């Protein structure tokens, strides 16, 4: 049986931008994360938070990661967050956890409302 934990519109404040000036003022990005489980997380049966992934803690850890880094491109941000998730989730739950991550930002362009980049297993 397959299952997913989906985090929609996780808003992170990130030092992001090609120029130093742009990176000096953090901006909001929206992140979508889908965690796919090969095995049903035990929390589905026992209703215990310790047997699943706490998305509140994960959101705080992702924001802390962003607070500690700066990025020129959303591609680099997506890859670094993907790698961070891989490390954090390794061994958390029995079985393989697949990751889909998509970063969306609202660029300061009159002709473009939103740009996004995704990465997955």
PDB file of N, CA and C in Angstrom:
ATOM      1  N   UNK A   1       0.840  -1.173   0.000  1.00  0.00           N
ATOM      2  CA  UNK A   1       0.000   0.000   0.000  1.00  0.00           C
ATOM      3  C   UNK A   1       0.891   1.243   0.000  1.00  0.00           C
ATOM      4  N   UNK A   2       0.616   2.167  -0.886  1.00  0.00           N
ATOM      5  CA  UNK A   2       1.366   3.425  -0.966  1.00  0.00           C
ATOM      6  C   UNK A   2       0.571   4.546  -0.314  1.00  0.00           C
ATOM      7  N   UNK A   3       1.297   5.508   0.234  1.00  0.00           N
ATOM      8  CA  UNK A   3       0.654   6.670   0.839  1.00  0.00           C
ATOM      9  C   UNK A   3       1.565   7.885   0.673  1.00  0.00           C
ATOM     10  N   UNK A   4       1.010   9.083   0.880  1.00  0.00           N
ATOM     11  CA  UNK A   4       1.773  10.324   0.747  1.00  0.00           C
ATOM     12  C   UNK A   4       1.408  11.292   1.865  1.00  0.00           C
ATOM     13  N   UNK A   5       2.391  12.061   2.285  1.00  0.00           N
ATOM     14  CA  UNK A   5       2.165  13.235   3.115  1.00  0.00           C
ATOM     15  C   UNK A   5       2.452  14.422   2.212  1.00  0.00           C
ATOM     16  N   UNK A   6       1.493  15.311   2.063  1.00  0.00           N
ATOM     17  CA  UNK A   6       1.625  16.441   1.135  1.00  0.00           C
ATOM     18  C   UNK A   6       1.564  17.738   1.922  1.00  0.00           C
ATOM     19  N   UNK A   7       2.578  18.562   1.750  1.00  0.00           N
ATOM     20  CA  UNK A   7       2.605  19.897   2.340  1.00  0.00           C
ATOM     21  C   UNK A   7       2.391  20.888   1.208  1.00  0.00           C
ATOM     22  N   UNK A   8       1.286  21.597   1.264  1.00  0.00           N
ATOM     23  CA  UNK A   8       0.927  22.566   0.223  1.00  0.00           C
ATOM     24  C   UNK A   8       1.237  23.979   0.706  1.00  0.00           C
ATOM     25  N   UNK A   9       1.814  24.756  -0.152  1.00  0.00           N
ATOM     26  CA  UNK A   9       2.027  26.185   0.100  1.00  0.00           C
ATOM     27  C   UNK A   9       2.728  26.456   1.429  1.00  0.00           C
ATOM     28  N   UNK A  10       3.818  25.744   1.671  1.00  0.00           N
ATOM     29  CA  UNK A  10       4.674  26.049   2.812  1.00  0.00           C
ATOM     30  C   UNK A  10       5.448  27.314   2.453  1.00  0.00           C
ATOM     31  N   UNK A  11       5.197  28.392   3.163  1.00  0.00           N
ATOM     32  CA  UNK A  11       5.827  29.672   2.857  1.00  0.00           C
ATOM     33  C   UNK A  11       7.104  29.831   3.666  1.00  0.00           C
ATOM     34  N   UNK A  12       8.208  30.007   2.945  1.00  0.00           N
ATOM     35  CA  UNK A  12       9.515  30.179   3.573  1.00  0.00           C
ATOM     36  C   UNK A  12      10.081  31.539   3.198  1.00  0.00           C
ATOM     37  N   UNK A  13      10.725  32.170   4.147  1.00  0.00           N
ATOM     38  CA  UNK A  13      11.375  33.460   3.945  1.00  0.00           C
ATOM     39  C   UNK A  13      12.829  33.164   3.604  1.00  0.00           C
ATOM     40  N   UNK A  14      13.272  33.536   2.394  1.00  0.00           N
ATOM     41  CA  UNK A  14      14.562  33.092   1.873  1.00  0.00           C
ATOM     42  C   UNK A  14      15.360  34.257   1.304  1.00  0.00           C
ATOM     43  N   UNK A  15      16.666  34.239   1.582  1.00  0.00           N
ATOM     44  CA  UNK A  15      17.582  35.188   0.936  1.00  0.00           C
ATOM     45  C   UNK A  15      17.865  34.617  -0.452  1.00  0.00           C
ATOM     46  N   UNK A  16      17.167  35.144  -1.449  1.00  0.00           N
ATOM     47  CA  UNK A  16      17.179  34.579  -2.798  1.00  0.00           C
ATOM     48  C   UNK A  16      17.257  35.696  -3.818  1.00  0.00           C
ATOM     49  N   UNK A  17      18.143  35.546  -4.778  1.00  0.00           N
ATOM     50  CA  UNK A  17      18.230  36.512  -5.858  1.00  0.00           C
ATOM     51  C   UNK A  17      19.602  36.498  -6.501  1.00  0.00           C
ATOM     52  N   UNK A  18      19.650  36.854  -7.762  1.00  0.00           N
ATOM     53  CA  UNK A  18      20.914  36.822  -8.493  1.00  0.00           C
ATOM     54  C   UNK A  18      21.906  37.857  -7.976  1.00  0.00           C
ATOM     55  N   UNK A  19      21.426  39.033  -7.635  1.00  0.00           N
ATOM     56  CA  UNK A  19      22.346  40.078  -7.168  1.00  0.00           C
ATOM     57  C   UNK A  19      22.441  40.085  -5.641  1.00  0.00           C
ATOM     58  N   UNK A  20      23.513  40.663  -5.150  1.00  0.00           N
ATOM     59  CA  UNK A  20      23.705  40.800  -3.707  1.00  0.00           C
ATOM     60  C   UNK A  20      22.575  41.636  -3.106  1.00  0.00           C
ATOM     61  N   UNK A  21      22.181  42.677  -3.813  1.00  0.00           N
ATOM     62  CA  UNK A  21      21.107  43.543  -3.331  1.00  0.00           C
ATOM     63  C   UNK A  21      19.805  42.767  -3.174  1.00  0.00           C
ATOM     64  N   UNK A  22      19.500  41.940  -4.155  1.00  0.00           N
ATOM     65  CA  UNK A  22      18.262  41.164  -4.111  1.00  0.00           C
ATOM     66  C   UNK A  22      18.291  40.166  -2.949  1.00  0.00           C
ATOM     67  N   UNK A  23      19.446  39.562  -2.709  1.00  0.00           N
ATOM     68  CA  UNK A  23      19.584  38.595  -1.617  1.00  0.00           C
ATOM     69  C   UNK A  23      19.597  39.266  -0.248  1.00  0.00           C
ATOM     70  N   UNK A  24      19.860  40.557  -0.198  1.00  0.00           N
ATOM     71  CA  UNK A  24      19.952  41.234   1.098  1.00  0.00           C
ATOM     72  C   UNK A  24      18.588  41.368   1.778  1.00  0.00           C
ATOM     73  N   UNK A  25      17.519  41.344   1.015  1.00  0.00           N
ATOM     74  CA  UNK A  25      16.167  41.404   1.572  1.00  0.00           C
ATOM     75  C   UNK A  25      15.465  40.067   1.319  1.00  0.00           C
ATOM     76  N   UNK A  26      15.278  39.252   2.348  1.00  0.00           N
ATOM     77  CA  UNK A  26      14.617  37.959   2.138  1.00  0.00           C
ATOM     78  C   UNK A  26      13.251  38.131   1.490  1.00  0.00           C
ATOM     79  N   UNK A  27      12.887  37.150   0.687  1.00  0.00           N
ATOM     80  CA  UNK A  27      11.583  37.163   0.027  1.00  0.00           C
ATOM     81  C   UNK A  27      10.869  35.849   0.296  1.00  0.00           C
ATOM     82  N   UNK A  28       9.582  35.867   0.110  1.00  0.00           N
ATOM     83  CA  UNK A  28       8.777  34.676   0.340  1.00  0.00           C
ATOM     84  C   UNK A  28       8.777  33.783  -0.895  1.00  0.00           C
ATOM     85  N   UNK A  29       8.925  32.505  -0.649  1.00  0.00           N
ATOM     86  CA  UNK A  29       8.722  31.498  -1.687  1.00  0.00           C
ATOM     87  C   UNK A  29       7.694  30.511  -1.153  1.00  0.00           C
ATOM     88  N   UNK A  30       7.001  29.875  -2.057  1.00  0.00           N
ATOM     89  CA  UNK A  30       6.014  28.864  -1.696  1.00  0.00           C
ATOM     90  C   UNK A  30       6.570  27.498  -2.085  1.00  0.00           C
ATOM     91  N   UNK A  31       6.507  26.563  -1.160  1.00  0.00           N
ATOM     92  CA  UNK A  31       7.073  25.234  -1.382  1.00  0.00           C
ATOM     93  C   UNK A  31       5.960  24.195  -1.284  1.00  0.00           C
ATOM     94  N   UNK A  32       5.978  23.274  -2.224  1.00  0.00           N
ATOM     95  CA  UNK A  32       5.103  22.105  -2.158  1.00  0.00           C
ATOM     96  C   UNK A  32       6.003  20.892  -1.995  1.00  0.00           C
ATOM     97  N   UNK A  33       5.668  20.048  -1.035  1.00  0.00           N
ATOM     98  CA  UNK A  33       6.449  18.836  -0.777  1.00  0.00           C
ATOM     99  C   UNK A  33       5.488  17.658  -0.744  1.00  0.00           C
ATOM    100  N   UNK A  34       5.844  16.613  -1.491  1.00  0.00           N
ATOM    101  CA  UNK A  34       5.096  15.354  -1.428  1.00  0.00           C
ATOM    102  C   UNK A  34       6.082  14.274  -0.988  1.00  0.00           C
ATOM    103  N   UNK A  35       5.786  13.651   0.135  1.00  0.00           N
ATOM    104  CA  UNK A  35       6.593  12.548   0.637  1.00  0.00           C
ATOM    105  C   UNK A  35       5.809  11.262   0.403  1.00  0.00           C
ATOM    106  N   UNK A  36       6.375  10.390  -0.404  1.00  0.00           N
ATOM    107  CA  UNK A  36       5.712   9.134  -0.730  1.00  0.00           C
ATOM    108  C   UNK A  36       6.297   7.987   0.077  1.00  0.00           C
ATOM    109  N   UNK A  37       5.443   7.165   0.643  1.00  0.00           N
ATOM    110  CA  UNK A  37       5.872   6.057   1.491  1.00  0.00           C
ATOM    111  C   UNK A  37       5.581   4.725   0.811  1.00  0.00           C
ATOM    112  N   UNK A  38       6.586   3.856   0.752  1.00  0.00           N
ATOM    113  CA  UNK A  38       6.385   2.497   0.240  1.00  0.00           C
ATOM    114  C   UNK A  38       5.538   1.681   1.212  1.00  0.00           C
ATOM    115  N   UNK A  39       5.760   1.924   2.497  1.00  0.00           N
ATOM    116  CA  UNK A  39       5.013   1.227   3.546  1.00  0.00           C
ATOM    117  C   UNK A  39       4.136   2.237   4.273  1.00  0.00           C
ATOM    118  N   UNK A  40       3.010   1.810   4.706  1.00  0.00           N
ATOM    119  CA  UNK A  40       2.102   2.661   5.464  1.00  0.00           C
ATOM    120  C   UNK A  40       2.786   3.078   6.764  1.00  0.00           C
ATOM    121  N   UNK A  41       2.881   4.383   7.039  1.00  0.00           N
ATOM    122  CA  UNK A  41       3.488   4.807   8.306  1.00  0.00           C
ATOM    123  C   UNK A  41       2.714   4.209   9.489  1.00  0.00           C
ATOM    124  N   UNK A  42       3.424   3.722  10.518  1.00  0.00           N
ATOM    125  CA  UNK A  42       2.753   3.124  11.679  1.00  0.00           C
ATOM    126  C   UNK A  42       1.718   4.049  12.320  1.00  0.00           C
ATOM    127  N   UNK A  43       1.899   5.370  12.192  1.00  0.00           N
ATOM    128  CA  UNK A  43       0.952   6.317  12.786  1.00  0.00           C
ATOM    129  C   UNK A  43      -0.463   6.141  12.229  1.00  0.00           C
ATOM    130  N   UNK A  44      -0.579   5.597  11.033  1.00  0.00           N
ATOM    131  CA  UNK A  44      -1.903   5.355  10.462  1.00  0.00           C
ATOM    132  C   UNK A  44      -2.686   4.360  11.321  1.00  0.00           C
ATOM    133  N   UNK A  45      -1.964   3.458  11.955  1.00  0.00           N
ATOM    134  CA  UNK A  45      -2.592   2.421  12.779  1.00  0.00           C
ATOM    135  C   UNK A  45      -2.662   2.841  14.249  1.00  0.00           C
ATOM    136  N   UNK A  46      -1.528   3.372  14.771  1.00  0.00           N
ATOM    137  CA  UNK A  46      -1.466   3.621  16.217  1.00  0.00           C
ATOM    138  C   UNK A  46      -1.762   5.070  16.627  1.00  0.00           C
ATOM    139  N   UNK A  47      -1.923   5.971  15.666  1.00  0.00           N
ATOM    140  CA  UNK A  47      -2.300   7.359  15.942  1.00  0.00           C
ATOM    141  C   UNK A  47      -1.284   8.081  16.838  1.00  0.00           C
ATOM    142  N   UNK A  48       0.013   7.743  16.669  1.00  0.00           N
ATOM    143  CA  UNK A  48       1.087   8.333  17.475  1.00  0.00           C
ATOM    144  C   UNK A  48       1.970   9.222  16.614  1.00  0.00           C
ATOM    145  N   UNK A  49       2.152  10.470  17.036  1.00  0.00           N
ATOM    146  CA  UNK A  49       2.952  11.434  16.293  1.00  0.00           C
ATOM    147  C   UNK A  49       4.393  10.968  16.108  1.00  0.00           C
ATOM    148  N   UNK A  50       4.926  10.256  17.073  1.00  0.00           N
ATOM    149  CA  UNK A  50       6.311   9.778  16.977  1.00  0.00           C
ATOM    150  C   UNK A  50       6.519   8.771  15.851  1.00  0.00           C
ATOM    151  N   UNK A  51       5.448   8.228  15.319  1.00  0.00           N
ATOM    152  CA  UNK A  51       5.546   7.211  14.272  1.00  0.00           C
ATOM    153  C   UNK A  51       5.216   7.753  12.889  1.00  0.00           C
ATOM    154  N   UNK A  52       5.356   9.059  12.731  1.00  0.00           N
ATOM    155  CA  UNK A  52       5.168   9.681  11.428  1.00  0.00           C
ATOM    156  C   UNK A  52       6.124  10.858  11.331  1.00  0.00           C
ATOM    157  N   UNK A  53       5.953  11.664  10.324  1.00  0.00           N
ATOM    158  CA  UNK A  53       6.769  12.865  10.150  1.00  0.00           C
ATOM    159  C   UNK A  53       5.928  14.059  10.594  1.00  0.00           C
ATOM    160  N   UNK A  54       6.400  14.759  11.596  1.00  0.00           N
ATOM    161  CA  UNK A  54       5.680  15.934  12.094  1.00  0.00           C
ATOM    162  C   UNK A  54       5.945  17.088  11.137  1.00  0.00           C
ATOM    163  N   UNK A  55       4.922  17.510  10.418  1.00  0.00           N
ATOM    164  CA  UNK A  55       5.132  18.567   9.425  1.00  0.00           C
ATOM    165  C   UNK A  55       5.394  19.921  10.064  1.00  0.00           C
ATOM    166  N   UNK A  56       4.955  20.145  11.303  1.00  0.00           N
ATOM    167  CA  UNK A  56       5.266  21.410  11.987  1.00  0.00           C
ATOM    168  C   UNK A  56       6.766  21.495  12.276  1.00  0.00           C
ATOM    169  N   UNK A  57       7.335  20.422  12.771  1.00  0.00           N
ATOM    170  CA  UNK A  57       8.784  20.389  13.030  1.00  0.00           C
ATOM    171  C   UNK A  57       9.552  20.502  11.724  1.00  0.00           C
ATOM    172  N   UNK A  58       9.118  19.770  10.703  1.00  0.00           N
ATOM    173  CA  UNK A  58       9.786  19.807   9.414  1.00  0.00           C
ATOM    174  C   UNK A  58       9.756  21.216   8.817  1.00  0.00           C
ATOM    175  N   UNK A  59       8.632  21.896   8.914  1.00  0.00           N
ATOM    176  CA  UNK A  59       8.528  23.269   8.401  1.00  0.00           C
ATOM    177  C   UNK A  59       9.501  24.186   9.141  1.00  0.00           C
ATOM    178  N   UNK A  60       9.596  24.049  10.460  1.00  0.00           N
ATOM    179  CA  UNK A  60      10.535  24.863  11.240  1.00  0.00           C
ATOM    180  C   UNK A  60      11.979  24.574  10.837  1.00  0.00           C
ATOM    181  N   UNK A  61      12.305  23.301  10.627  1.00  0.00           N
ATOM    182  CA  UNK A  61      13.671  22.933  10.230  1.00  0.00           C
ATOM    183  C   UNK A  61      14.014  23.468   8.849  1.00  0.00           C
ATOM    184  N   UNK A  62      13.063  23.445   7.930  1.00  0.00           N
ATOM    185  CA  UNK A  62      13.300  23.990   6.593  1.00  0.00           C
ATOM    186  C   UNK A  62      13.510  25.502   6.652  1.00  0.00           C
ATOM    187  N   UNK A  63      12.726  26.203   7.484  1.00  0.00           N
ATOM    188  CA  UNK A  63      12.917  27.645   7.623  1.00  0.00           C
ATOM    189  C   UNK A  63      14.277  27.955   8.239  1.00  0.00           C
ATOM    190  N   UNK A  64      14.692  27.175   9.238  1.00  0.00           N
ATOM    191  CA  UNK A  64      16.004  27.380   9.855  1.00  0.00           C
ATOM    192  C   UNK A  64      17.117  27.162   8.829  1.00  0.00           C
ATOM    193  N   UNK A  65      16.964  26.149   7.988  1.00  0.00           N
ATOM    194  CA  UNK A  65      17.947  25.900   6.927  1.00  0.00           C
ATOM    195  C   UNK A  65      18.045  27.117   6.011  1.00  0.00           C
ATOM    196  N   UNK A  66      16.895  27.658   5.637  1.00  0.00           N
ATOM    197  CA  UNK A  66      16.879  28.838   4.758  1.00  0.00           C
ATOM    198  C   UNK A  66      17.471  30.058   5.463  1.00  0.00           C
ATOM    199  N   UNK A  67      17.225  30.190   6.756  1.00  0.00           N
ATOM    200  CA  UNK A  67      17.794  31.306   7.514  1.00  0.00           C
ATOM    201  C   UNK A  67      19.320  31.271   7.503  1.00  0.00           C
ATOM    202  N   UNK A  68      19.888  30.082   7.438  1.00  0.00           N
ATOM    203  CA  UNK A  68      21.341  29.896   7.518  1.00  0.00           C
ATOM    204  C   UNK A  68      22.052  29.954   6.167  1.00  0.00           C
ATOM    205  N   UNK A  69      21.297  30.082   5.075  1.00  0.00           N
ATOM    206  CA  UNK A  69      21.885  30.049   3.733  1.00  0.00           C
ATOM    207  C   UNK A  69      21.308  31.164   2.864  1.00  0.00           C
ATOM    208  N   UNK A  70      21.972  31.421   1.741  1.00  0.00           N
ATOM    209  CA  UNK A  70      21.411  32.301   0.720  1.00  0.00           C
ATOM    210  C   UNK A  70      21.609  31.632  -0.632  1.00  0.00           C
ATOM    211  N   UNK A  71      20.754  32.009  -1.574  1.00  0.00           N
ATOM    212  CA  UNK A  71      20.718  31.336  -2.866  1.00  0.00           C
ATOM    213  C   UNK A  71      20.541  32.350  -3.976  1.00  0.00           C
ATOM    214  N   UNK A  72      21.221  32.126  -5.084  1.00  0.00           N
ATOM    215  CA  UNK A  72      21.054  32.988  -6.247  1.00  0.00           C
ATOM    216  C   UNK A  72      19.862  32.552  -7.095  1.00  0.00           C
ATOM    217  N   UNK A  73      19.605  31.254  -7.148  1.00  0.00           N
ATOM    218  CA  UNK A  73      18.598  30.705  -8.066  1.00  0.00           C
ATOM    219  C   UNK A  73      17.643  29.751  -7.355  1.00  0.00           C
ATOM    220  N   UNK A  74      16.393  29.688  -7.844  1.00  0.00           N
ATOM    221  CA  UNK A  74      15.443  28.752  -7.257  1.00  0.00           C
ATOM    222  C   UNK A  74      15.864  27.299  -7.510  1.00  0.00           C
ATOM    223  N   UNK A  75      16.614  27.070  -8.581  1.00  0.00           N
ATOM    224  CA  UNK A  75      17.102  25.714  -8.848  1.00  0.00           C
ATOM    225  C   UNK A  75      18.040  25.247  -7.729  1.00  0.00           C
ATOM    226  N   UNK A  76      18.934  26.125  -7.308  1.00  0.00           N
ATOM    227  CA  UNK A  76      19.879  25.786  -6.231  1.00  0.00           C
ATOM    228  C   UNK A  76      19.125  25.623  -4.908  1.00  0.00           C
ATOM    229  N   UNK A  77      18.179  26.510  -4.650  1.00  0.00           N
ATOM    230  CA  UNK A  77      17.370  26.406  -3.438  1.00  0.00           C
ATOM    231  C   UNK A  77      16.630  25.069  -3.412  1.00  0.00           C
ATOM    232  N   UNK A  78      15.995  24.695  -4.511  1.00  0.00           N
ATOM    233  CA  UNK A  78      15.248  23.434  -4.574  1.00  0.00           C
ATOM    234  C   UNK A  78      16.171  22.244  -4.325  1.00  0.00           C
ATOM    235  N   UNK A  79      17.321  22.235  -4.964  1.00  0.00           N
ATOM    236  CA  UNK A  79      18.247  21.111  -4.802  1.00  0.00           C
ATOM    237  C   UNK A  79      18.747  21.015  -3.360  1.00  0.00           C
ATOM    238  N   UNK A  80      19.087  22.147  -2.757  1.00  0.00           N
ATOM    239  CA  UNK A  80      19.592  22.132  -1.377  1.00  0.00           C
ATOM    240  C   UNK A  80      18.503  21.683  -0.396  1.00  0.00           C
ATOM    241  N   UNK A  81      17.271  22.135  -0.597  1.00  0.00           N
ATOM    242  CA  UNK A  81      16.180  21.686   0.268  1.00  0.00           C
ATOM    243  C   UNK A  81      15.897  20.197   0.063  1.00  0.00           C
ATOM    244  N   UNK A  82      15.972  19.748  -1.170  1.00  0.00           N
ATOM    245  CA  UNK A  82      15.794  18.320  -1.480  1.00  0.00           C
ATOM    246  C   UNK A  82      16.844  17.488  -0.742  1.00  0.00           C
ATOM    247  N   UNK A  83      18.107  17.905  -0.825  1.00  0.00           N
ATOM    248  CA  UNK A  83      19.192  17.195  -0.139  1.00  0.00           C
ATOM    249  C   UNK A  83      18.992  17.225   1.376  1.00  0.00           C
ATOM    250  N   UNK A  84      18.550  18.363   1.897  1.00  0.00           N
ATOM    251  CA  UNK A  84      18.275  18.494   3.327  1.00  0.00           C
ATOM    252  C   UNK A  84      17.184  17.511   3.754  1.00  0.00           C
ATOM    253  N   UNK A  85      16.108  17.429   2.966  1.00  0.00           N
ATOM    254  CA  UNK A  85      15.032  16.491   3.275  1.00  0.00           C
ATOM    255  C   UNK A  85      15.515  15.043   3.230  1.00  0.00           C
ATOM    256  N   UNK A  86      16.309  14.713   2.216  1.00  0.00           N
ATOM    257  CA  UNK A  86      16.851  13.347   2.109  1.00  0.00           C
ATOM    258  C   UNK A  86      17.605  12.969   3.381  1.00  0.00           C
ATOM    259  N   UNK A  87      18.456  13.893   3.862  1.00  0.00           N
ATOM    260  CA  UNK A  87      19.246  13.634   5.054  1.00  0.00           C
ATOM    261  C   UNK A  87      18.336  13.533   6.292  1.00  0.00           C
ATOM    262  N   UNK A  88      17.404  14.470   6.452  1.00  0.00           N
ATOM    263  CA  UNK A  88      16.531  14.510   7.625  1.00  0.00           C
ATOM    264  C   UNK A  88      15.626  13.287   7.717  1.00  0.00           C
ATOM    265  N   UNK A  89      15.160  12.801   6.584  1.00  0.00           N
ATOM    266  CA  UNK A  89      14.167  11.732   6.584  1.00  0.00           C
ATOM    267  C   UNK A  89      14.778  10.340   6.519  1.00  0.00           C
ATOM    268  N   UNK A  90      16.084  10.283   6.302  1.00  0.00           N
ATOM    269  CA  UNK A  90      16.771   8.996   6.215  1.00  0.00           C
ATOM    270  C   UNK A  90      16.578   8.212   7.519  1.00  0.00           C
ATOM    271  N   UNK A  91      15.988   7.042   7.407  1.00  0.00           N
ATOM    272  CA  UNK A  91      15.788   6.174   8.564  1.00  0.00           C
ATOM    273  C   UNK A  91      14.654   6.603   9.483  1.00  0.00           C
ATOM    274  N   UNK A  92      13.913   7.647   9.138  1.00  0.00           N
ATOM    275  CA  UNK A  92      12.828   8.140   9.996  1.00  0.00           C
ATOM    276  C   UNK A  92      11.674   7.137  10.080  1.00  0.00           C
ATOM    277  N   UNK A  93      11.336   6.555   8.943  1.00  0.00           N
ATOM    278  CA  UNK A  93      10.235   5.591   8.875  1.00  0.00           C
ATOM    279  C   UNK A  93      10.726   4.393   8.072  1.00  0.00           C
ATOM    280  N   UNK A  94      10.319   3.192   8.491  1.00  0.00           N
ATOM    281  CA  UNK A  94      10.733   1.990   7.758  1.00  0.00           C
ATOM    282  C   UNK A  94      10.258   2.065   6.313  1.00  0.00           C
ATOM    283  N   UNK A  95      11.148   1.676   5.408  1.00  0.00           N
ATOM    284  CA  UNK A  95      10.823   1.706   3.989  1.00  0.00           C
ATOM    285  C   UNK A  95      11.343   2.965   3.333  1.00  0.00           C
ATOM    286  N   UNK A  96      11.233   2.998   2.032  1.00  0.00           N
ATOM    287  CA  UNK A  96      11.728   4.122   1.244  1.00  0.00           C
ATOM    288  C   UNK A  96      10.742   5.289   1.292  1.00  0.00           C
ATOM    289  N   UNK A  97      11.303   6.501   1.388  1.00  0.00           N
ATOM    290  CA  UNK A  97      10.502   7.722   1.292  1.00  0.00           C
ATOM    291  C   UNK A  97      10.946   8.453   0.033  1.00  0.00           C
ATOM    292  N   UNK A  98      10.034   8.642  -0.908  1.00  0.00           N
ATOM    293  CA  UNK A  98      10.353   9.401  -2.112  1.00  0.00           C
ATOM    294  C   UNK A  98       9.947  10.856  -1.886  1.00  0.00           C
ATOM    295  N   UNK A  99      10.677  11.756  -2.542  1.00  0.00           N
ATOM    296  CA  UNK A  99      10.461  13.183  -2.335  1.00  0.00           C
ATOM    297  C   UNK A  99      10.163  13.870  -3.664  1.00  0.00           C
ATOM    298  N   UNK A 100       9.114  14.681  -3.650  1.00  0.00           N
ATOM    299  CA  UNK A 100       8.841  15.636  -4.718  1.00  0.00           C
ATOM    300  C   UNK A 100       8.835  17.001  -4.054  1.00  0.00           C
ATOM    301  N   UNK A 101       9.570  17.953  -4.618  1.00  0.00           N
ATOM    302  CA  UNK A 101       9.648  19.290  -4.055  1.00  0.00           C
ATOM    303  C   UNK A 101       9.540  20.306  -5.177  1.00  0.00           C
ATOM    304  N   UNK A 102       8.700  21.314  -4.985  1.00  0.00           N
ATOM    305  CA  UNK A 102       8.528  22.370  -5.976  1.00  0.00           C
ATOM    306  C   UNK A 102       8.607  23.719  -5.279  1.00  0.00           C
ATOM    307  N   UNK A 103       9.466  24.604  -5.795  1.00  0.00           N
ATOM    308  CA  UNK A 103       9.635  25.964  -5.281  1.00  0.00           C
ATOM    309  C   UNK A 103       8.969  26.921  -6.271  1.00  0.00           C
ATOM    310  N   UNK A 104       8.123  27.805  -5.766  1.00  0.00           N
ATOM    311  CA  UNK A 104       7.503  28.836  -6.607  1.00  0.00           C
ATOM    312  C   UNK A 104       7.794  30.199  -6.001  1.00  0.00           C
ATOM    313  N   UNK A 105       8.094  31.164  -6.861  1.00  0.00           N
ATOM    314  CA  UNK A 105       8.311  32.543  -6.403  1.00  0.00           C
ATOM    315  C   UNK A 105       7.619  33.496  -7.351  1.00  0.00           C
ATOM    316  N   UNK A 106       7.377  34.683  -6.850  1.00  0.00           N
ATOM    317  CA  UNK A 106       6.754  35.725  -7.650  1.00  0.00           C
ATOM    318  C   UNK A 106       7.837  36.723  -8.044  1.00  0.00           C
ATOM    319  N   UNK A 107       8.377  36.586  -9.241  1.00  0.00           N
ATOM    320  CA  UNK A 107       9.465  37.474  -9.655  1.00  0.00           C
ATOM    321  C   UNK A 107       8.986  38.907  -9.859  1.00  0.00           C
ATOM    322  N   UNK A 108       9.919  39.816  -9.775  1.00  0.00           N
ATOM    323  CA  UNK A 108       9.613  41.238  -9.963  1.00  0.00           C
ATOM    324  C   UNK A 108       9.613  41.580 -11.452  1.00  0.00           C
ATOM    325  N   UNK A 109       8.779  40.891 -12.211  1.00  0.00           N
ATOM    326  CA  UNK A 109       8.655  41.119 -13.649  1.00  0.00           C
ATOM    327  C   UNK A 109       7.194  41.413 -13.979  1.00  0.00           C
ATOM    328  N   UNK A 110       6.966  42.444 -14.746  1.00  0.00           N
ATOM    329  CA  UNK A 110       5.595  42.830 -15.097  1.00  0.00           C
ATOM    330  C   UNK A 110       4.889  41.759 -15.920  1.00  0.00           C
ATOM    331  N   UNK A 111       5.642  40.973 -16.675  1.00  0.00           N
ATOM    332  CA  UNK A 111       5.033  40.018 -17.593  1.00  0.00           C
ATOM    333  C   UNK A 111       4.988  38.584 -17.050  1.00  0.00           C
ATOM    334  N   UNK A 112       5.492  38.369 -15.833  1.00  0.00           N
ATOM    335  CA  UNK A 112       5.529  37.007 -15.283  1.00  0.00           C
ATOM    336  C   UNK A 112       5.029  37.022 -13.849  1.00  0.00           C
ATOM    337  N   UNK A 113       3.942  36.297 -13.607  1.00  0.00           N
ATOM    338  CA  UNK A 113       3.355  36.283 -12.268  1.00  0.00           C
ATOM    339  C   UNK A 113       4.077  35.333 -11.334  1.00  0.00           C
ATOM    340  N   UNK A 114       4.479  34.158 -11.844  1.00  0.00           N
ATOM    341  CA  UNK A 114       5.102  33.167 -10.976  1.00  0.00           C
ATOM    342  C   UNK A 114       6.064  32.309 -11.775  1.00  0.00           C
ATOM    343  N   UNK A 115       7.177  31.931 -11.124  1.00  0.00           N
ATOM    344  CA  UNK A 115       8.132  30.989 -11.699  1.00  0.00           C
ATOM    345  C   UNK A 115       8.321  29.871 -10.689  1.00  0.00           C
ATOM    346  N   UNK A 116       8.535  28.650 -11.174  1.00  0.00           N
ATOM    347  CA  UNK A 116       8.734  27.535 -10.250  1.00  0.00           C
ATOM    348  C   UNK A 116       9.743  26.549 -10.826  1.00  0.00           C
ATOM    349  N   UNK A 117      10.280  25.748  -9.923  1.00  0.00           N
ATOM    350  CA  UNK A 117      11.225  24.694 -10.285  1.00  0.00           C
ATOM    351  C   UNK A 117      10.925  23.510  -9.382  1.00  0.00           C
ATOM    352  N   UNK A 118      10.915  22.310  -9.951  1.00  0.00           N
ATOM    353  CA  UNK A 118      10.649  21.111  -9.135  1.00  0.00           C
ATOM    354  C   UNK A 118      11.758  20.094  -9.308  1.00  0.00           C
ATOM    355  N   UNK A 119      11.893  19.273  -8.289  1.00  0.00           N
ATOM    356  CA  UNK A 119      12.890  18.194  -8.283  1.00  0.00           C
ATOM    357  C   UNK A 119      12.261  17.016  -7.534  1.00  0.00           C
ATOM    358  N   UNK A 120      12.562  15.799  -7.980  1.00  0.00           N
ATOM    359  CA  UNK A 120      11.979  14.621  -7.325  1.00  0.00           C
ATOM    360  C   UNK A 120      12.842  13.402  -7.551  1.00  0.00           C
ATOM    361  N   UNK A 121      12.515  12.360  -6.787  1.00  0.00           N
ATOM    362  CA  UNK A 121      13.180  11.055  -6.965  1.00  0.00           C
ATOM    363  C   UNK A 121      12.719  10.432  -8.267  1.00  0.00           C
TER     364      UNK A 121
END
